[in-house]
Amino acid sequence: MLAKVYVTLKKGVHDPQGEAVKHTLSSIGYKRIENVRIGRYIEIKMDDIPHSEAETVLKDVCEKLLANTVIESYRYELA
């Protein structure tokens, strides 16, 4: 089973990387880009386990290691 995890900063949290990318894009001519937010994409391959168990494990992994839930949100897809 493949899990695709997306971790992003919560709304209202300052994103200096996103601002740097936006500034660079503007300086090379992309003036109409209004905002850029940076996040992470993580793939996790798991043994063939029941979907409900995979969700439980994945939630634990996200909350204990992959995302700082104070300032970040996460979502995942199981395939």
PDB file of N, CA and C in Angstrom:
ATOM      1  N   MET A   1       0.853  -1.174   0.000  1.00  0.00           N
ATOM      2  CA  MET A   1       0.000   0.000   0.000  1.00  0.00           C
ATOM      3  C   MET A   1       0.900   1.240   0.000  1.00  0.00           C
ATOM      4  N   LEU A   2       0.527   2.201  -0.801  1.00  0.00           N
ATOM      5  CA  LEU A   2       1.288   3.439  -0.903  1.00  0.00           C
ATOM      6  C   LEU A   2       0.492   4.575  -0.273  1.00  0.00           C
ATOM      7  N   ALA A   3       1.152   5.299   0.631  1.00  0.00           N
ATOM      8  CA  ALA A   3       0.545   6.483   1.245  1.00  0.00           C
ATOM      9  C   ALA A   3       1.240   7.712   0.691  1.00  0.00           C
ATOM     10  N   LYS A   4       0.451   8.685   0.284  1.00  0.00           N
ATOM     11  CA  LYS A   4       0.974   9.964  -0.176  1.00  0.00           C
ATOM     12  C   LYS A   4       0.577  10.996   0.870  1.00  0.00           C
ATOM     13  N   VAL A   5       1.579  11.628   1.488  1.00  0.00           N
ATOM     14  CA  VAL A   5       1.346  12.567   2.579  1.00  0.00           C
ATOM     15  C   VAL A   5       1.722  13.975   2.121  1.00  0.00           C
ATOM     16  N   TYR A   6       0.839  14.918   2.391  1.00  0.00           N
ATOM     17  CA  TYR A   6       1.073  16.323   2.056  1.00  0.00           C
ATOM     18  C   TYR A   6       1.067  17.117   3.360  1.00  0.00           C
ATOM     19  N   VAL A   7       2.161  17.828   3.622  1.00  0.00           N
ATOM     20  CA  VAL A   7       2.279  18.635   4.838  1.00  0.00           C
ATOM     21  C   VAL A   7       2.428  20.096   4.413  1.00  0.00           C
ATOM     22  N   THR A   8       1.581  20.967   4.954  1.00  0.00           N
ATOM     23  CA  THR A   8       1.630  22.382   4.612  1.00  0.00           C
ATOM     24  C   THR A   8       1.489  23.223   5.872  1.00  0.00           C
ATOM     25  N   LEU A   9       1.979  24.446   5.788  1.00  0.00           N
ATOM     26  CA  LEU A   9       1.807  25.367   6.905  1.00  0.00           C
ATOM     27  C   LEU A   9       0.334  25.758   7.023  1.00  0.00           C
ATOM     28  N   LYS A  10      -0.129  25.930   8.238  1.00  0.00           N
ATOM     29  CA  LYS A  10      -1.496  26.391   8.453  1.00  0.00           C
ATOM     30  C   LYS A  10      -1.627  27.835   7.989  1.00  0.00           C
ATOM     31  N   LYS A  11      -2.855  28.214   7.638  1.00  0.00           N
ATOM     32  CA  LYS A  11      -3.107  29.598   7.245  1.00  0.00           C
ATOM     33  C   LYS A  11      -2.704  30.521   8.386  1.00  0.00           C
ATOM     34  N   GLY A  12      -2.106  31.630   8.030  1.00  0.00           N
ATOM     35  CA  GLY A  12      -1.689  32.600   9.030  1.00  0.00           C
ATOM     36  C   GLY A  12      -0.280  32.399   9.552  1.00  0.00           C
ATOM     37  N   VAL A  13       0.323  31.244   9.254  1.00  0.00           N
ATOM     38  CA  VAL A  13       1.700  30.992   9.682  1.00  0.00           C
ATOM     39  C   VAL A  13       2.643  31.579   8.641  1.00  0.00           C
ATOM     40  N   HIS A  14       3.599  32.356   9.091  1.00  0.00           N
ATOM     41  CA  HIS A  14       4.571  33.005   8.210  1.00  0.00           C
ATOM     42  C   HIS A  14       5.353  31.952   7.414  1.00  0.00           C
ATOM     43  N   ASP A  15       5.492  32.161   6.108  1.00  0.00           N
ATOM     44  CA  ASP A  15       6.183  31.221   5.222  1.00  0.00           C
ATOM     45  C   ASP A  15       7.333  31.936   4.501  1.00  0.00           C
ATOM     46  N   PRO A  16       8.515  32.034   5.132  1.00  0.00           N
ATOM     47  CA  PRO A  16       9.628  32.739   4.504  1.00  0.00           C
ATOM     48  C   PRO A  16      10.101  32.093   3.202  1.00  0.00           C
ATOM     49  N   GLN A  17      10.035  30.776   3.100  1.00  0.00           N
ATOM     50  CA  GLN A  17      10.420  30.113   1.845  1.00  0.00           C
ATOM     51  C   GLN A  17       9.472  30.505   0.719  1.00  0.00           C
ATOM     52  N   GLY A  18       8.190  30.491   1.008  1.00  0.00           N
ATOM     53  CA  GLY A  18       7.206  30.882   0.013  1.00  0.00           C
ATOM     54  C   GLY A  18       7.407  32.317  -0.436  1.00  0.00           C
ATOM     55  N   GLU A  19       7.707  33.202   0.518  1.00  0.00           N
ATOM     56  CA  GLU A  19       7.944  34.599   0.174  1.00  0.00           C
ATOM     57  C   GLU A  19       9.194  34.757  -0.698  1.00  0.00           C
ATOM     58  N   ALA A  20      10.241  33.997  -0.395  1.00  0.00           N
ATOM     59  CA  ALA A  20      11.468  34.063  -1.194  1.00  0.00           C
ATOM     60  C   ALA A  20      11.212  33.591  -2.619  1.00  0.00           C
ATOM     61  N   VAL A  21      10.452  32.522  -2.767  1.00  0.00           N
ATOM     62  CA  VAL A  21      10.124  32.020  -4.103  1.00  0.00           C
ATOM     63  C   VAL A  21       9.272  33.042  -4.851  1.00  0.00           C
ATOM     64  N   LYS A  22       8.278  33.608  -4.172  1.00  0.00           N
ATOM     65  CA  LYS A  22       7.432  34.625  -4.807  1.00  0.00           C
ATOM     66  C   LYS A  22       8.272  35.815  -5.268  1.00  0.00           C
ATOM     67  N   HIS A  23       9.188  36.270  -4.426  1.00  0.00           N
ATOM     68  CA  HIS A  23      10.055  37.393  -4.772  1.00  0.00           C
ATOM     69  C   HIS A  23      10.910  37.060  -6.004  1.00  0.00           C
ATOM     70  N   THR A  24      11.491  35.865  -6.024  1.00  0.00           N
ATOM     71  CA  THR A  24      12.321  35.460  -7.158  1.00  0.00           C
ATOM     72  C   THR A  24      11.492  35.362  -8.430  1.00  0.00           C
ATOM     73  N   LEU A  25      10.308  34.782  -8.342  1.00  0.00           N
ATOM     74  CA  LEU A  25       9.436  34.695  -9.512  1.00  0.00           C
ATOM     75  C   LEU A  25       9.098  36.082 -10.037  1.00  0.00           C
ATOM     76  N   SER A  26       8.808  37.000  -9.128  1.00  0.00           N
ATOM     77  CA  SER A  26       8.503  38.369  -9.530  1.00  0.00           C
ATOM     78  C   SER A  26       9.705  39.014 -10.225  1.00  0.00           C
ATOM     79  N   SER A  27      10.889  38.758  -9.693  1.00  0.00           N
ATOM     80  CA  SER A  27      12.095  39.382 -10.257  1.00  0.00           C
ATOM     81  C   SER A  27      12.459  38.824 -11.627  1.00  0.00           C
ATOM     82  N   ILE A  28      11.959  37.642 -11.966  1.00  0.00           N
ATOM     83  CA  ILE A  28      12.239  37.092 -13.303  1.00  0.00           C
ATOM     84  C   ILE A  28      11.048  37.252 -14.248  1.00  0.00           C
ATOM     85  N   GLY A  29      10.100  38.099 -13.835  1.00  0.00           N
ATOM     86  CA  GLY A  29       9.044  38.470 -14.759  1.00  0.00           C
ATOM     87  C   GLY A  29       7.653  37.940 -14.473  1.00  0.00           C
ATOM     88  N   TYR A  30       7.493  37.120 -13.466  1.00  0.00           N
ATOM     89  CA  TYR A  30       6.170  36.574 -13.155  1.00  0.00           C
ATOM     90  C   TYR A  30       5.495  37.457 -12.115  1.00  0.00           C
ATOM     91  N   LYS A  31       5.105  38.646 -12.525  1.00  0.00           N
ATOM     92  CA  LYS A  31       4.572  39.670 -11.627  1.00  0.00           C
ATOM     93  C   LYS A  31       3.145  39.374 -11.161  1.00  0.00           C
ATOM     94  N   ARG A  32       2.428  38.537 -11.864  1.00  0.00           N
ATOM     95  CA  ARG A  32       1.013  38.311 -11.542  1.00  0.00           C
ATOM     96  C   ARG A  32       0.804  37.195 -10.518  1.00  0.00           C
ATOM     97  N   ILE A  33       1.882  36.569 -10.062  1.00  0.00           N
ATOM     98  CA  ILE A  33       1.749  35.549  -9.020  1.00  0.00           C
ATOM     99  C   ILE A  33       1.554  36.265  -7.694  1.00  0.00           C
ATOM    100  N   GLU A  34       0.439  35.980  -7.051  1.00  0.00           N
ATOM    101  CA  GLU A  34       0.038  36.702  -5.855  1.00  0.00           C
ATOM    102  C   GLU A  34       0.627  36.127  -4.570  1.00  0.00           C
ATOM    103  N   ASN A  35       0.729  34.803  -4.480  1.00  0.00           N
ATOM    104  CA  ASN A  35       1.183  34.185  -3.239  1.00  0.00           C
ATOM    105  C   ASN A  35       1.783  32.812  -3.534  1.00  0.00           C
ATOM    106  N   VAL A  36       2.780  32.421  -2.754  1.00  0.00           N
ATOM    107  CA  VAL A  36       3.390  31.095  -2.861  1.00  0.00           C
ATOM    108  C   VAL A  36       3.507  30.526  -1.451  1.00  0.00           C
ATOM    109  N   ARG A  37       3.079  29.288  -1.278  1.00  0.00           N
ATOM    110  CA  ARG A  37       3.237  28.580  -0.004  1.00  0.00           C
ATOM    111  C   ARG A  37       4.026  27.308  -0.294  1.00  0.00           C
ATOM    112  N   ILE A  38       4.977  26.998   0.563  1.00  0.00           N
ATOM    113  CA  ILE A  38       5.831  25.831   0.387  1.00  0.00           C
ATOM    114  C   ILE A  38       5.387  24.739   1.361  1.00  0.00           C
ATOM    115  N   GLY A  39       5.396  23.500   0.898  1.00  0.00           N
ATOM    116  CA  GLY A  39       5.044  22.362   1.741  1.00  0.00           C
ATOM    117  C   GLY A  39       5.936  21.184   1.422  1.00  0.00           C
ATOM    118  N   ARG A  40       5.547  20.022   1.929  1.00  0.00           N
ATOM    119  CA  ARG A  40       6.324  18.796   1.690  1.00  0.00           C
ATOM    120  C   ARG A  40       5.389  17.702   1.173  1.00  0.00           C
ATOM    121  N   TYR A  41       5.970  16.848   0.337  1.00  0.00           N
ATOM    122  CA  TYR A  41       5.270  15.681  -0.172  1.00  0.00           C
ATOM    123  C   TYR A  41       6.104  14.469   0.215  1.00  0.00           C
ATOM    124  N   ILE A  42       5.482  13.476   0.836  1.00  0.00           N
ATOM    125  CA  ILE A  42       6.194  12.298   1.325  1.00  0.00           C
ATOM    126  C   ILE A  42       5.440  11.054   0.870  1.00  0.00           C
ATOM    127  N   GLU A  43       6.171  10.075   0.344  1.00  0.00           N
ATOM    128  CA  GLU A  43       5.577   8.782   0.002  1.00  0.00           C
ATOM    129  C   GLU A  43       6.045   7.749   1.011  1.00  0.00           C
ATOM    130  N   ILE A  44       5.102   6.943   1.483  1.00  0.00           N
ATOM    131  CA  ILE A  44       5.399   5.876   2.437  1.00  0.00           C
ATOM    132  C   ILE A  44       4.803   4.588   1.890  1.00  0.00           C
ATOM    133  N   LYS A  45       5.655   3.597   1.706  1.00  0.00           N
ATOM    134  CA  LYS A  45       5.169   2.292   1.248  1.00  0.00           C
ATOM    135  C   LYS A  45       5.000   1.414   2.479  1.00  0.00           C
ATOM    136  N   MET A  46       3.807   0.826   2.612  1.00  0.00           N
ATOM    137  CA  MET A  46       3.501  -0.033   3.751  1.00  0.00           C
ATOM    138  C   MET A  46       3.188  -1.438   3.266  1.00  0.00           C
ATOM    139  N   ASP A  47       3.388  -2.391   4.171  1.00  0.00           N
ATOM    140  CA  ASP A  47       2.983  -3.758   3.870  1.00  0.00           C
ATOM    141  C   ASP A  47       1.494  -3.779   3.574  1.00  0.00           C
ATOM    142  N   ASP A  48       1.049  -4.850   2.981  1.00  0.00           N
ATOM    143  CA  ASP A  48      -0.367  -4.999   2.666  1.00  0.00           C
ATOM    144  C   ASP A  48      -1.145  -5.217   3.962  1.00  0.00           C
ATOM    145  N   ILE A  49      -1.659  -4.127   4.521  1.00  0.00           N
ATOM    146  CA  ILE A  49      -2.423  -4.193   5.767  1.00  0.00           C
ATOM    147  C   ILE A  49      -3.818  -3.627   5.514  1.00  0.00           C
ATOM    148  N   PRO A  50      -4.764  -3.946   6.365  1.00  0.00           N
ATOM    149  CA  PRO A  50      -6.117  -3.420   6.178  1.00  0.00           C
ATOM    150  C   PRO A  50      -6.115  -1.892   6.139  1.00  0.00           C
ATOM    151  N   HIS A  51      -7.004  -1.346   5.333  1.00  0.00           N
ATOM    152  CA  HIS A  51      -7.092   0.105   5.136  1.00  0.00           C
ATOM    153  C   HIS A  51      -7.238   0.852   6.459  1.00  0.00           C
ATOM    154  N   SER A  52      -8.085   0.371   7.350  1.00  0.00           N
ATOM    155  CA  SER A  52      -8.319   1.061   8.630  1.00  0.00           C
ATOM    156  C   SER A  52      -7.051   1.064   9.487  1.00  0.00           C
ATOM    157  N   GLU A  53      -6.302  -0.026   9.466  1.00  0.00           N
ATOM    158  CA  GLU A  53      -5.052  -0.093  10.229  1.00  0.00           C
ATOM    159  C   GLU A  53      -4.008   0.847   9.615  1.00  0.00           C
ATOM    160  N   ALA A  54      -3.956   0.897   8.293  1.00  0.00           N
ATOM    161  CA  ALA A  54      -3.021   1.794   7.610  1.00  0.00           C
ATOM    162  C   ALA A  54      -3.322   3.247   7.967  1.00  0.00           C
ATOM    163  N   GLU A  55      -4.595   3.613   8.023  1.00  0.00           N
ATOM    164  CA  GLU A  55      -4.968   4.976   8.396  1.00  0.00           C
ATOM    165  C   GLU A  55      -4.540   5.307   9.820  1.00  0.00           C
ATOM    166  N   THR A  56      -4.712   4.362  10.733  1.00  0.00           N
ATOM    167  CA  THR A  56      -4.305   4.572  12.125  1.00  0.00           C
ATOM    168  C   THR A  56      -2.803   4.773  12.226  1.00  0.00           C
ATOM    169  N   VAL A  57      -2.044   3.911  11.566  1.00  0.00           N
ATOM    170  CA  VAL A  57      -0.581   4.015  11.570  1.00  0.00           C
ATOM    171  C   VAL A  57      -0.147   5.334  10.947  1.00  0.00           C
ATOM    172  N   LEU A  58      -0.740   5.670   9.829  1.00  0.00           N
ATOM    173  CA  LEU A  58      -0.370   6.893   9.114  1.00  0.00           C
ATOM    174  C   LEU A  58      -0.660   8.144   9.935  1.00  0.00           C
ATOM    175  N   LYS A  59      -1.804   8.173  10.596  1.00  0.00           N
ATOM    176  CA  LYS A  59      -2.138   9.315  11.453  1.00  0.00           C
ATOM    177  C   LYS A  59      -1.107   9.464  12.565  1.00  0.00           C
ATOM    178  N   ASP A  60      -0.726   8.359  13.189  1.00  0.00           N
ATOM    179  CA  ASP A  60       0.304   8.378  14.234  1.00  0.00           C
ATOM    180  C   ASP A  60       1.631   8.909  13.704  1.00  0.00           C
ATOM    181  N   VAL A  61       2.040   8.400  12.555  1.00  0.00           N
ATOM    182  CA  VAL A  61       3.319   8.809  11.957  1.00  0.00           C
ATOM    183  C   VAL A  61       3.306  10.302  11.643  1.00  0.00           C
ATOM    184  N   CYS A  62       2.223  10.769  11.083  1.00  0.00           N
ATOM    185  CA  CYS A  62       2.117  12.195  10.741  1.00  0.00           C
ATOM    186  C   CYS A  62       2.180  13.069  11.979  1.00  0.00           C
ATOM    187  N   GLU A  63       1.432  12.708  13.001  1.00  0.00           N
ATOM    188  CA  GLU A  63       1.351  13.549  14.190  1.00  0.00           C
ATOM    189  C   GLU A  63       2.585  13.456  15.074  1.00  0.00           C
ATOM    190  N   LYS A  64       3.297  12.322  15.041  1.00  0.00           N
ATOM    191  CA  LYS A  64       4.473  12.160  15.895  1.00  0.00           C
ATOM    192  C   LYS A  64       5.774  12.574  15.218  1.00  0.00           C
ATOM    193  N   LEU A  65       5.801  12.553  13.871  1.00  0.00           N
ATOM    194  CA  LEU A  65       7.072  12.820  13.211  1.00  0.00           C
ATOM    195  C   LEU A  65       6.991  13.759  12.012  1.00  0.00           C
ATOM    196  N   LEU A  66       6.062  13.521  11.112  1.00  0.00           N
ATOM    197  CA  LEU A  66       6.085  14.221   9.834  1.00  0.00           C
ATOM    198  C   LEU A  66       5.573  15.653   9.882  1.00  0.00           C
ATOM    199  N   ALA A  67       4.658  15.951  10.782  1.00  0.00           N
ATOM    200  CA  ALA A  67       4.072  17.290  10.828  1.00  0.00           C
ATOM    201  C   ALA A  67       4.148  17.860  12.241  1.00  0.00           C
ATOM    202  N   ASN A  68       4.495  19.127  12.313  1.00  0.00           N
ATOM    203  CA  ASN A  68       4.404  19.854  13.576  1.00  0.00           C
ATOM    204  C   ASN A  68       2.987  20.416  13.618  1.00  0.00           C
ATOM    205  N   THR A  69       2.099  19.725  14.294  1.00  0.00           N
ATOM    206  CA  THR A  69       0.675  20.050  14.216  1.00  0.00           C
ATOM    207  C   THR A  69       0.310  21.392  14.841  1.00  0.00           C
ATOM    208  N   VAL A  70       1.247  22.045  15.503  1.00  0.00           N
ATOM    209  CA  VAL A  70       0.995  23.383  16.024  1.00  0.00           C
ATOM    210  C   VAL A  70       0.924  24.378  14.867  1.00  0.00           C
ATOM    211  N   ILE A  71       1.824  24.209  13.872  1.00  0.00           N
ATOM    212  CA  ILE A  71       1.891  25.166  12.765  1.00  0.00           C
ATOM    213  C   ILE A  71       1.620  24.543  11.400  1.00  0.00           C
ATOM    214  N   GLU A  72       1.499  23.214  11.342  1.00  0.00           N
ATOM    215  CA  GLU A  72       1.312  22.551  10.049  1.00  0.00           C
ATOM    216  C   GLU A  72       0.047  21.702  10.034  1.00  0.00           C
ATOM    217  N   SER A  73      -0.510  21.577   8.843  1.00  0.00           N
ATOM    218  CA  SER A  73      -1.618  20.662   8.594  1.00  0.00           C
ATOM    219  C   SER A  73      -1.096  19.538   7.713  1.00  0.00           C
ATOM    220  N   TYR A  74      -1.779  18.416   7.755  1.00  0.00           N
ATOM    221  CA  TYR A  74      -1.400  17.322   6.868  1.00  0.00           C
ATOM    222  C   TYR A  74      -2.661  16.662   6.324  1.00  0.00           C
ATOM    223  N   ARG A  75      -2.477  16.026   5.208  1.00  0.00           N
ATOM    224  CA  ARG A  75      -3.525  15.172   4.642  1.00  0.00           C
ATOM    225  C   ARG A  75      -2.805  14.047   3.936  1.00  0.00           C
ATOM    226  N   TYR A  76      -3.516  12.956   3.724  1.00  0.00           N
ATOM    227  CA  TYR A  76      -2.888  11.824   3.063  1.00  0.00           C
ATOM    228  C   TYR A  76      -3.886  11.105   2.160  1.00  0.00           C
ATOM    229  N   GLU A  77      -3.325  10.354   1.240  1.00  0.00           N
ATOM    230  CA  GLU A  77      -4.098   9.500   0.338  1.00  0.00           C
ATOM    231  C   GLU A  77      -3.514   8.112   0.436  1.00  0.00           C
ATOM    232  N   LEU A  78      -4.358   7.122   0.470  1.00  0.00           N
ATOM    233  CA  LEU A  78      -3.900   5.732   0.459  1.00  0.00           C
ATOM    234  C   LEU A  78      -4.264   5.097  -0.875  1.00  0.00           C
ATOM    235  N   ALA A  79      -3.275   4.491  -1.500  1.00  0.00           N
ATOM    236  CA  ALA A  79      -3.516   3.857  -2.793  1.00  0.00           C
ATOM    237  C   ALA A  79      -3.162   2.379  -2.726  1.00  0.00           C
TER     238      ALA A  79
END
